[in-house]
Amino acid sequence: MKHNIDKAIIVWRWEDAPDEYRNLSEHGGDEDYVAFIPLALEGHWIGWLEEGQSFGCCSVSEHRLRDGTVKIGAHA
């Protein structure tokens, strides 16, 4: 089966995320997850990536990049 990763959200545990994405964080050590949303999916509501959900129970920051958006979920 062939997968089109240009239309896939990629999620990492904080400690496994690429450094270039981790360096975007301003949460101060309370990070749990990092997600990359490609341009093809921008504009779609993705409820489980919203603040107050399990991805970021207390805070979710958003960082727009040239090729998509990085979201960082934190517990404080």
PDB file of N, CA and C in Angstrom:
ATOM      1  N   MET A   1       0.839  -1.173   0.000  1.00  0.00           N
ATOM      2  CA  MET A   1       0.000   0.000   0.000  1.00  0.00           C
ATOM      3  C   MET A   1       0.889   1.242   0.000  1.00  0.00           C
ATOM      4  N   LYS A   2       0.586   2.179  -0.863  1.00  0.00           N
ATOM      5  CA  LYS A   2       1.331   3.427  -0.936  1.00  0.00           C
ATOM      6  C   LYS A   2       0.631   4.490  -0.096  1.00  0.00           C
ATOM      7  N   HIS A   3       1.403   5.226   0.683  1.00  0.00           N
ATOM      8  CA  HIS A   3       0.846   6.277   1.526  1.00  0.00           C
ATOM      9  C   HIS A   3       1.332   7.632   1.036  1.00  0.00           C
ATOM     10  N   ASN A   4       0.461   8.612   1.074  1.00  0.00           N
ATOM     11  CA  ASN A   4       0.806   9.969   0.699  1.00  0.00           C
ATOM     12  C   ASN A   4       1.053  10.769   1.979  1.00  0.00           C
ATOM     13  N   ILE A   5       2.322  10.854   2.384  1.00  0.00           N
ATOM     14  CA  ILE A   5       2.612  11.519   3.657  1.00  0.00           C
ATOM     15  C   ILE A   5       2.459  13.032   3.577  1.00  0.00           C
ATOM     16  N   ASP A   6       2.286  13.581   2.366  1.00  0.00           N
ATOM     17  CA  ASP A   6       2.026  15.017   2.246  1.00  0.00           C
ATOM     18  C   ASP A   6       0.643  15.374   2.774  1.00  0.00           C
ATOM     19  N   LYS A   7      -0.178  14.358   3.042  1.00  0.00           N
ATOM     20  CA  LYS A   7      -1.523  14.578   3.571  1.00  0.00           C
ATOM     21  C   LYS A   7      -1.712  13.865   4.903  1.00  0.00           C
ATOM     22  N   ALA A   8      -0.596  13.691   5.623  1.00  0.00           N
ATOM     23  CA  ALA A   8      -0.647  12.997   6.912  1.00  0.00           C
ATOM     24  C   ALA A   8      -0.120  13.907   8.015  1.00  0.00           C
ATOM     25  N   ILE A   9      -0.782  13.857   9.162  1.00  0.00           N
ATOM     26  CA  ILE A   9      -0.295  14.545  10.355  1.00  0.00           C
ATOM     27  C   ILE A   9       0.694  13.605  11.032  1.00  0.00           C
ATOM     28  N   ILE A  10       1.843  14.148  11.405  1.00  0.00           N
ATOM     29  CA  ILE A  10       2.858  13.353  12.091  1.00  0.00           C
ATOM     30  C   ILE A  10       2.926  13.835  13.538  1.00  0.00           C
ATOM     31  N   VAL A  11       2.874  12.898  14.481  1.00  0.00           N
ATOM     32  CA  VAL A  11       2.898  13.240  15.911  1.00  0.00           C
ATOM     33  C   VAL A  11       4.044  12.484  16.575  1.00  0.00           C
ATOM     34  N   TRP A  12       4.790  13.217  17.403  1.00  0.00           N
ATOM     35  CA  TRP A  12       5.880  12.627  18.165  1.00  0.00           C
ATOM     36  C   TRP A  12       5.659  12.875  19.650  1.00  0.00           C
ATOM     37  N   ARG A  13       6.153  11.992  20.487  1.00  0.00           N
ATOM     38  CA  ARG A  13       6.305  12.317  21.898  1.00  0.00           C
ATOM     39  C   ARG A  13       7.360  13.410  21.949  1.00  0.00           C
ATOM     40  N   TRP A  14       7.284  14.269  22.932  1.00  0.00           N
ATOM     41  CA  TRP A  14       8.193  15.412  23.021  1.00  0.00           C
ATOM     42  C   TRP A  14       9.651  14.992  22.844  1.00  0.00           C
ATOM     43  N   GLU A  15      10.074  13.980  23.572  1.00  0.00           N
ATOM     44  CA  GLU A  15      11.486  13.585  23.551  1.00  0.00           C
ATOM     45  C   GLU A  15      11.921  12.990  22.213  1.00  0.00           C
ATOM     46  N   ASP A  16      10.990  12.583  21.364  1.00  0.00           N
ATOM     47  CA  ASP A  16      11.323  11.985  20.071  1.00  0.00           C
ATOM     48  C   ASP A  16      11.177  12.953  18.892  1.00  0.00           C
ATOM     49  N   ALA A  17      10.658  14.136  19.141  1.00  0.00           N
ATOM     50  CA  ALA A  17      10.410  15.107  18.065  1.00  0.00           C
ATOM     51  C   ALA A  17      11.725  15.680  17.532  1.00  0.00           C
ATOM     52  N   PRO A  18      11.721  16.093  16.267  1.00  0.00           N
ATOM     53  CA  PRO A  18      12.922  16.717  15.702  1.00  0.00           C
ATOM     54  C   PRO A  18      13.298  17.981  16.493  1.00  0.00           C
ATOM     55  N   ASP A  19      14.589  18.186  16.682  1.00  0.00           N
ATOM     56  CA  ASP A  19      15.073  19.346  17.439  1.00  0.00           C
ATOM     57  C   ASP A  19      14.576  20.659  16.851  1.00  0.00           C
ATOM     58  N   GLU A  20      14.505  20.756  15.528  1.00  0.00           N
ATOM     59  CA  GLU A  20      14.062  22.019  14.916  1.00  0.00           C
ATOM     60  C   GLU A  20      12.634  22.375  15.329  1.00  0.00           C
ATOM     61  N   TYR A  21      11.808  21.377  15.619  1.00  0.00           N
ATOM     62  CA  TYR A  21      10.444  21.636  16.094  1.00  0.00           C
ATOM     63  C   TYR A  21      10.437  21.879  17.604  1.00  0.00           C
ATOM     64  N   ARG A  22      11.221  21.111  18.322  1.00  0.00           N
ATOM     65  CA  ARG A  22      11.295  21.299  19.783  1.00  0.00           C
ATOM     66  C   ARG A  22      11.814  22.694  20.135  1.00  0.00           C
ATOM     67  N   ASN A  23      12.709  23.221  19.326  1.00  0.00           N
ATOM     68  CA  ASN A  23      13.276  24.552  19.583  1.00  0.00           C
ATOM     69  C   ASN A  23      12.257  25.671  19.432  1.00  0.00           C
ATOM     70  N   LEU A  24      11.103  25.394  18.860  1.00  0.00           N
ATOM     71  CA  LEU A  24      10.042  26.396  18.713  1.00  0.00           C
ATOM     72  C   LEU A  24       9.271  26.622  20.014  1.00  0.00           C
ATOM     73  N   SER A  25       9.399  25.708  20.942  1.00  0.00           N
ATOM     74  CA  SER A  25       8.570  25.742  22.151  1.00  0.00           C
ATOM     75  C   SER A  25       8.921  26.881  23.098  1.00  0.00           C
ATOM     76  N   GLU A  26       7.868  27.441  23.677  1.00  0.00           N
ATOM     77  CA  GLU A  26       8.005  28.453  24.726  1.00  0.00           C
ATOM     78  C   GLU A  26       7.298  27.990  26.000  1.00  0.00           C
ATOM     79  N   HIS A  27       7.048  26.690  26.110  1.00  0.00           N
ATOM     80  CA  HIS A  27       6.298  26.149  27.245  1.00  0.00           C
ATOM     81  C   HIS A  27       7.152  25.953  28.495  1.00  0.00           C
ATOM     82  N   GLY A  28       8.451  25.929  28.378  1.00  0.00           N
ATOM     83  CA  GLY A  28       9.313  25.883  29.556  1.00  0.00           C
ATOM     84  C   GLY A  28       9.431  24.548  30.247  1.00  0.00           C
ATOM     85  N   GLY A  29       9.328  23.454  29.524  1.00  0.00           N
ATOM     86  CA  GLY A  29       9.548  22.146  30.127  1.00  0.00           C
ATOM     87  C   GLY A  29       8.298  21.337  30.401  1.00  0.00           C
ATOM     88  N   ASP A  30       7.123  21.841  30.034  1.00  0.00           N
ATOM     89  CA  ASP A  30       5.872  21.121  30.279  1.00  0.00           C
ATOM     90  C   ASP A  30       5.325  20.457  29.011  1.00  0.00           C
ATOM     91  N   GLU A  31       6.151  20.312  27.986  1.00  0.00           N
ATOM     92  CA  GLU A  31       5.711  19.781  26.698  1.00  0.00           C
ATOM     93  C   GLU A  31       5.478  18.269  26.757  1.00  0.00           C
ATOM     94  N   ASP A  32       4.473  17.831  26.021  1.00  0.00           N
ATOM     95  CA  ASP A  32       4.173  16.404  25.940  1.00  0.00           C
ATOM     96  C   ASP A  32       4.268  15.861  24.513  1.00  0.00           C
ATOM     97  N   TYR A  33       3.710  16.597  23.544  1.00  0.00           N
ATOM     98  CA  TYR A  33       3.647  16.120  22.162  1.00  0.00           C
ATOM     99  C   TYR A  33       3.964  17.231  21.176  1.00  0.00           C
ATOM    100  N   VAL A  34       4.417  16.831  19.996  1.00  0.00           N
ATOM    101  CA  VAL A  34       4.647  17.734  18.873  1.00  0.00           C
ATOM    102  C   VAL A  34       3.960  17.132  17.658  1.00  0.00           C
ATOM    103  N   ALA A  35       3.257  17.967  16.907  1.00  0.00           N
ATOM    104  CA  ALA A  35       2.590  17.505  15.688  1.00  0.00           C
ATOM    105  C   ALA A  35       2.978  18.412  14.526  1.00  0.00           C
ATOM    106  N   PHE A  36       3.162  17.808  13.362  1.00  0.00           N
ATOM    107  CA  PHE A  36       3.371  18.563  12.129  1.00  0.00           C
ATOM    108  C   PHE A  36       2.158  18.356  11.236  1.00  0.00           C
ATOM    109  N   ILE A  37       1.544  19.466  10.821  1.00  0.00           N
ATOM    110  CA  ILE A  37       0.371  19.430   9.944  1.00  0.00           C
ATOM    111  C   ILE A  37       0.794  20.019   8.595  1.00  0.00           C
ATOM    112  N   PRO A  38       0.802  19.225   7.526  1.00  0.00           N
ATOM    113  CA  PRO A  38       1.249  19.736   6.234  1.00  0.00           C
ATOM    114  C   PRO A  38       0.257  20.739   5.644  1.00  0.00           C
ATOM    115  N   LEU A  39       0.731  21.545   4.703  1.00  0.00           N
ATOM    116  CA  LEU A  39      -0.108  22.562   4.067  1.00  0.00           C
ATOM    117  C   LEU A  39      -1.408  21.990   3.521  1.00  0.00           C
ATOM    118  N   ALA A  40      -1.363  20.766   3.005  1.00  0.00           N
ATOM    119  CA  ALA A  40      -2.557  20.146   2.409  1.00  0.00           C
ATOM    120  C   ALA A  40      -3.699  20.002   3.405  1.00  0.00           C
ATOM    121  N   LEU A  41      -3.400  20.006   4.700  1.00  0.00           N
ATOM    122  CA  LEU A  41      -4.433  19.827   5.721  1.00  0.00           C
ATOM    123  C   LEU A  41      -4.759  21.105   6.481  1.00  0.00           C
ATOM    124  N   GLU A  42      -4.052  22.186   6.194  1.00  0.00           N
ATOM    125  CA  GLU A  42      -4.350  23.445   6.880  1.00  0.00           C
ATOM    126  C   GLU A  42      -5.747  23.918   6.500  1.00  0.00           C
ATOM    127  N   GLY A  43      -6.408  24.499   7.464  1.00  0.00           N
ATOM    128  CA  GLY A  43      -7.771  24.959   7.249  1.00  0.00           C
ATOM    129  C   GLY A  43      -8.812  23.938   7.659  1.00  0.00           C
ATOM    130  N   HIS A  44      -8.392  22.712   7.932  1.00  0.00           N
ATOM    131  CA  HIS A  44      -9.303  21.675   8.416  1.00  0.00           C
ATOM    132  C   HIS A  44      -9.297  21.713   9.941  1.00  0.00           C
ATOM    133  N   TRP A  45     -10.466  21.581  10.539  1.00  0.00           N
ATOM    134  CA  TRP A  45     -10.540  21.526  11.994  1.00  0.00           C
ATOM    135  C   TRP A  45     -10.125  20.137  12.446  1.00  0.00           C
ATOM    136  N   ILE A  46      -9.143  20.073  13.327  1.00  0.00           N
ATOM    137  CA  ILE A  46      -8.639  18.804  13.853  1.00  0.00           C
ATOM    138  C   ILE A  46      -8.798  18.870  15.368  1.00  0.00           C
ATOM    139  N   GLY A  47      -9.944  18.425  15.840  1.00  0.00           N
ATOM    140  CA  GLY A  47     -10.348  18.602  17.224  1.00  0.00           C
ATOM    141  C   GLY A  47      -9.386  18.066  18.262  1.00  0.00           C
ATOM    142  N   TRP A  48      -8.775  16.927  18.005  1.00  0.00           N
ATOM    143  CA  TRP A  48      -7.909  16.334  19.021  1.00  0.00           C
ATOM    144  C   TRP A  48      -6.586  17.096  19.185  1.00  0.00           C
ATOM    145  N   LEU A  49      -6.299  18.054  18.293  1.00  0.00           N
ATOM    146  CA  LEU A  49      -5.113  18.890  18.438  1.00  0.00           C
ATOM    147  C   LEU A  49      -5.417  20.218  19.139  1.00  0.00           C
ATOM    148  N   GLU A  50      -6.655  20.417  19.538  1.00  0.00           N
ATOM    149  CA  GLU A  50      -7.050  21.659  20.194  1.00  0.00           C
ATOM    150  C   GLU A  50      -6.688  21.641  21.680  1.00  0.00           C
ATOM    151  N   GLU A  51      -6.513  22.827  22.227  1.00  0.00           N
ATOM    152  CA  GLU A  51      -6.237  22.976  23.652  1.00  0.00           C
ATOM    153  C   GLU A  51      -7.374  22.363  24.468  1.00  0.00           C
ATOM    154  N   GLY A  52      -7.026  21.693  25.562  1.00  0.00           N
ATOM    155  CA  GLY A  52      -8.025  21.067  26.421  1.00  0.00           C
ATOM    156  C   GLY A  52      -8.279  19.609  26.082  1.00  0.00           C
ATOM    157  N   GLN A  53      -7.672  19.114  25.034  1.00  0.00           N
ATOM    158  CA  GLN A  53      -7.786  17.705  24.657  1.00  0.00           C
ATOM    159  C   GLN A  53      -6.529  16.975  25.131  1.00  0.00           C
ATOM    160  N   SER A  54      -6.454  15.694  24.876  1.00  0.00           N
ATOM    161  CA  SER A  54      -5.326  14.910  25.383  1.00  0.00           C
ATOM    162  C   SER A  54      -3.986  15.317  24.760  1.00  0.00           C
ATOM    163  N   PHE A  55      -3.986  15.903  23.566  1.00  0.00           N
ATOM    164  CA  PHE A  55      -2.735  16.344  22.935  1.00  0.00           C
ATOM    165  C   PHE A  55      -2.078  17.458  23.750  1.00  0.00           C
ATOM    166  N   GLY A  56      -2.871  18.377  24.225  1.00  0.00           N
ATOM    167  CA  GLY A  56      -2.371  19.484  25.046  1.00  0.00           C
ATOM    168  C   GLY A  56      -3.426  19.866  26.053  1.00  0.00           C
ATOM    169  N   CYS A  57      -3.477  19.154  27.155  1.00  0.00           N
ATOM    170  CA  CYS A  57      -4.582  19.322  28.106  1.00  0.00           C
ATOM    171  C   CYS A  57      -4.655  20.733  28.682  1.00  0.00           C
ATOM    172  N   CYS A  58      -3.536  21.444  28.740  1.00  0.00           N
ATOM    173  CA  CYS A  58      -3.553  22.804  29.281  1.00  0.00           C
ATOM    174  C   CYS A  58      -3.215  23.866  28.243  1.00  0.00           C
ATOM    175  N   SER A  59      -2.373  23.518  27.276  1.00  0.00           N
ATOM    176  CA  SER A  59      -1.930  24.524  26.323  1.00  0.00           C
ATOM    177  C   SER A  59      -1.454  23.874  25.030  1.00  0.00           C
ATOM    178  N   VAL A  60      -1.776  24.499  23.900  1.00  0.00           N
ATOM    179  CA  VAL A  60      -1.264  24.087  22.597  1.00  0.00           C
ATOM    180  C   VAL A  60      -0.781  25.345  21.882  1.00  0.00           C
ATOM    181  N   SER A  61       0.502  25.369  21.556  1.00  0.00           N
ATOM    182  CA  SER A  61       1.027  26.499  20.786  1.00  0.00           C
ATOM    183  C   SER A  61       1.103  26.113  19.321  1.00  0.00           C
ATOM    184  N   GLU A  62       1.020  27.113  18.457  1.00  0.00           N
ATOM    185  CA  GLU A  62       1.001  26.885  17.016  1.00  0.00           C
ATOM    186  C   GLU A  62       2.110  27.712  16.381  1.00  0.00           C
ATOM    187  N   HIS A  63       2.858  27.072  15.486  1.00  0.00           N
ATOM    188  CA  HIS A  63       4.004  27.708  14.841  1.00  0.00           C
ATOM    189  C   HIS A  63       3.925  27.438  13.343  1.00  0.00           C
ATOM    190  N   ARG A  64       3.653  28.482  12.573  1.00  0.00           N
ATOM    191  CA  ARG A  64       3.523  28.333  11.121  1.00  0.00           C
ATOM    192  C   ARG A  64       4.899  28.338  10.472  1.00  0.00           C
ATOM    193  N   LEU A  65       5.085  27.359   9.601  1.00  0.00           N
ATOM    194  CA  LEU A  65       6.317  27.233   8.840  1.00  0.00           C
ATOM    195  C   LEU A  65       5.986  27.319   7.350  1.00  0.00           C
ATOM    196  N   ARG A  66       6.992  27.337   6.531  1.00  0.00           N
ATOM    197  CA  ARG A  66       6.813  27.425   5.087  1.00  0.00           C
ATOM    198  C   ARG A  66       6.022  26.230   4.524  1.00  0.00           C
ATOM    199  N   ASP A  67       6.252  25.045   5.079  1.00  0.00           N
ATOM    200  CA  ASP A  67       5.646  23.832   4.526  1.00  0.00           C
ATOM    201  C   ASP A  67       4.519  23.258   5.378  1.00  0.00           C
ATOM    202  N   GLY A  68       4.100  23.974   6.408  1.00  0.00           N
ATOM    203  CA  GLY A  68       3.008  23.490   7.254  1.00  0.00           C
ATOM    204  C   GLY A  68       3.024  24.172   8.609  1.00  0.00           C
ATOM    205  N   THR A  69       2.385  23.527   9.575  1.00  0.00           N
ATOM    206  CA  THR A  69       2.268  24.083  10.922  1.00  0.00           C
ATOM    207  C   THR A  69       2.730  23.055  11.944  1.00  0.00           C
ATOM    208  N   VAL A  70       3.455  23.527  12.944  1.00  0.00           N
ATOM    209  CA  VAL A  70       3.850  22.691  14.075  1.00  0.00           C
ATOM    210  C   VAL A  70       2.998  23.097  15.269  1.00  0.00           C
ATOM    211  N   LYS A  71       2.407  22.112  15.932  1.00  0.00           N
ATOM    212  CA  LYS A  71       1.685  22.346  17.181  1.00  0.00           C
ATOM    213  C   LYS A  71       2.403  21.605  18.286  1.00  0.00           C
ATOM    214  N   ILE A  72       2.490  22.258  19.436  1.00  0.00           N
ATOM    215  CA  ILE A  72       3.153  21.678  20.593  1.00  0.00           C
ATOM    216  C   ILE A  72       2.146  21.658  21.739  1.00  0.00           C
ATOM    217  N   GLY A  73       1.895  20.464  22.259  1.00  0.00           N
ATOM    218  CA  GLY A  73       0.961  20.292  23.353  1.00  0.00           C
ATOM    219  C   GLY A  73       1.684  20.201  24.679  1.00  0.00           C
ATOM    220  N   ALA A  74       1.144  20.893  25.687  1.00  0.00           N
ATOM    221  CA  ALA A  74       1.792  20.923  26.997  1.00  0.00           C
ATOM    222  C   ALA A  74       0.755  20.691  28.103  1.00  0.00           C
ATOM    223  N   HIS A  75       1.243  20.225  29.245  1.00  0.00           N
ATOM    224  CA  HIS A  75       0.360  19.928  30.379  1.00  0.00           C
ATOM    225  C   HIS A  75       0.312  21.047  31.424  1.00  0.00           C
ATOM    226  N   ALA A  76       0.957  22.143  31.165  1.00  0.00           N
ATOM    227  CA  ALA A  76       0.864  23.294  32.087  1.00  0.00           C
ATOM    228  C   ALA A  76       1.058  24.583  31.326  1.00  0.00           C
TER     229      ALA A  76
END
